[in-house]
Amino acid sequence: MSEEKRKHSRKAACGDLQITTEKSGSKHKVFVKDVSKGGAFVFSLNVPAVGDKISYELLDEHGLMLTVGTGRVIRAIDVNSEALSGFAIQFDQELDQTMLDYLCEVRTEKK
């Protein structure tokens, strides 16, 4: 999605989400590449279809759940490479500023 269509600017992030797809019920841990209050792009070898509804758990560095939410897949890139495959999620509810800050701070600390 182009920057003009986004309500919120994306920021580089680093963190994990546990994603559950509504259609299959399967769970996958994915890596957050970038995030905004309204959505995120994540790297994953398991790429759901555009339009699929998902639920997510934001995990801390120890795998403990920090927050939960729902959304839908709005873009999918499936090239059979963990470094390139992934999908964009549009959150149903905006991400809390504290959680947004957490994801961006983790990125800064891991550099």
Protein backbone atom coordinates (compact mmCIF):
# COMPACT_ATOMS: atom_id res chain seq x y z
CA MET A 1 0.00 0.00 0.00
CA SER A 2 1.39 3.38 -0.88
CA GLU A 3 2.25 5.93 1.81
CA GLU A 4 -0.53 8.21 0.48
CA LYS A 5 -3.18 5.58 1.33
CA ARG A 6 -1.90 4.93 4.85
CA LYS A 7 -3.34 6.82 7.81
CA HIS A 8 -0.17 6.20 9.84
CA SER A 9 3.46 6.13 8.76
CA ARG A 10 5.31 2.83 9.03
CA LYS A 11 8.37 2.49 11.24
CA ALA A 12 11.08 -0.16 11.20
CA ALA A 13 10.33 -2.72 13.88
CA CYS A 14 11.57 -5.95 15.33
CA GLY A 15 9.43 -8.41 17.20
CA ASP A 16 7.33 -11.52 16.99
CA LEU A 17 3.64 -12.08 16.45
CA GLN A 18 1.82 -15.38 16.89
CA ILE A 19 -0.67 -15.38 14.00
CA THR A 20 -3.76 -17.59 13.80
CA THR A 21 -5.65 -17.66 10.52
CA GLU A 22 -9.42 -17.81 10.85
CA LYS A 23 -9.87 -20.00 7.78
CA SER A 24 -7.49 -22.83 8.74
CA GLY A 25 -7.02 -22.23 12.46
CA SER A 26 -3.29 -22.78 12.00
CA LYS A 27 -0.82 -20.85 14.18
CA HIS A 28 2.49 -19.44 12.99
CA LYS A 29 5.12 -17.26 14.60
CA VAL A 30 6.06 -14.38 12.29
CA PHE A 31 8.70 -11.64 12.41
CA VAL A 32 7.57 -8.00 12.27
CA LYS A 33 9.52 -5.99 9.67
CA ASP A 34 7.68 -2.70 10.01
CA VAL A 35 4.66 -1.43 11.90
CA SER A 36 2.26 1.47 12.31
CA LYS A 37 -0.78 1.98 14.51
CA GLY A 38 -2.93 0.64 11.67
CA GLY A 39 -0.97 -2.40 10.50
CA ALA A 40 2.28 -4.24 9.97
CA PHE A 41 4.33 -6.13 7.42
CA VAL A 42 5.63 -9.49 8.64
CA PHE A 43 8.07 -12.04 7.23
CA SER A 44 6.74 -15.59 7.07
CA LEU A 45 7.03 -18.73 4.95
CA ASN A 46 3.34 -19.39 5.72
CA VAL A 47 1.57 -16.70 3.70
CA PRO A 48 -2.24 -16.51 4.00
CA ALA A 49 -4.38 -15.29 1.11
CA VAL A 50 -5.28 -11.64 0.69
CA GLY A 51 -8.54 -11.03 2.53
CA ASP A 52 -7.98 -13.77 5.13
CA LYS A 53 -8.91 -12.77 8.66
CA ILE A 54 -6.29 -13.33 11.32
CA SER A 55 -5.87 -12.95 15.05
CA TYR A 56 -2.51 -12.09 16.56
CA GLU A 57 -0.61 -12.09 19.83
CA LEU A 58 2.29 -9.68 20.21
CA LEU A 59 5.05 -11.56 22.03
CA ASP A 60 7.94 -10.19 24.07
CA GLU A 61 11.51 -11.47 23.73
CA HIS A 62 10.68 -14.38 26.08
CA GLY A 63 7.60 -15.44 24.11
CA LEU A 64 5.13 -14.00 26.62
CA MET A 65 1.99 -12.36 25.27
CA LEU A 66 1.87 -8.56 25.53
CA THR A 67 -1.37 -7.84 23.67
CA VAL A 68 -3.83 -9.43 21.26
CA GLY A 69 -5.82 -8.23 18.28
CA THR A 70 -7.40 -9.09 14.97
CA GLY A 71 -6.99 -7.96 11.40
CA ARG A 72 -6.96 -9.03 7.80
CA VAL A 73 -4.32 -9.72 5.17
CA ILE A 74 -4.19 -6.88 2.63
CA ARG A 75 -1.05 -7.88 0.68
CA ALA A 76 0.82 -11.16 0.28
CA ILE A 77 4.25 -11.94 -1.15
CA ASP A 78 5.00 -15.66 -1.47
CA VAL A 79 8.38 -16.43 -3.05
CA ASN A 80 9.42 -19.48 -0.99
CA SER A 81 12.09 -17.53 0.85
CA GLU A 82 11.87 -16.63 4.54
CA ALA A 83 13.84 -13.44 3.84
CA LEU A 84 11.39 -12.30 1.15
CA SER A 85 8.00 -13.95 1.77
CA GLY A 86 5.51 -12.19 3.98
CA PHE A 87 2.27 -10.30 4.21
CA ALA A 88 0.76 -7.01 5.26
CA ILE A 89 -1.86 -6.94 8.01
CA GLN A 90 -4.42 -4.22 8.52
CA PHE A 91 -5.38 -4.18 12.20
CA ASP A 92 -9.08 -4.00 13.11
CA GLN A 93 -8.20 -1.77 16.07
CA GLU A 94 -5.25 0.63 16.11
CA LEU A 95 -2.20 -0.66 17.93
CA ASP A 96 -1.69 0.96 21.31
CA GLN A 97 1.11 3.55 21.33
CA THR A 98 2.93 1.64 24.09
CA MET A 99 3.04 -1.51 21.95
CA LEU A 100 4.12 0.48 18.88
CA ASP A 101 6.93 2.06 20.90
CA TYR A 102 7.93 -1.39 22.21
CA LEU A 103 8.29 -2.84 18.71
CA CYS A 104 10.34 0.13 17.52
CA GLU A 105 12.56 0.13 20.64
CA VAL A 106 13.32 -3.56 20.26
CA ARG A 107 14.51 -2.79 16.73
CA THR A 108 16.85 -0.07 18.02
CA GLU A 109 18.27 -2.31 20.77
CA LYS A 110 19.00 -5.21 18.36
CA LYS A 111 21.04 -3.09 15.90
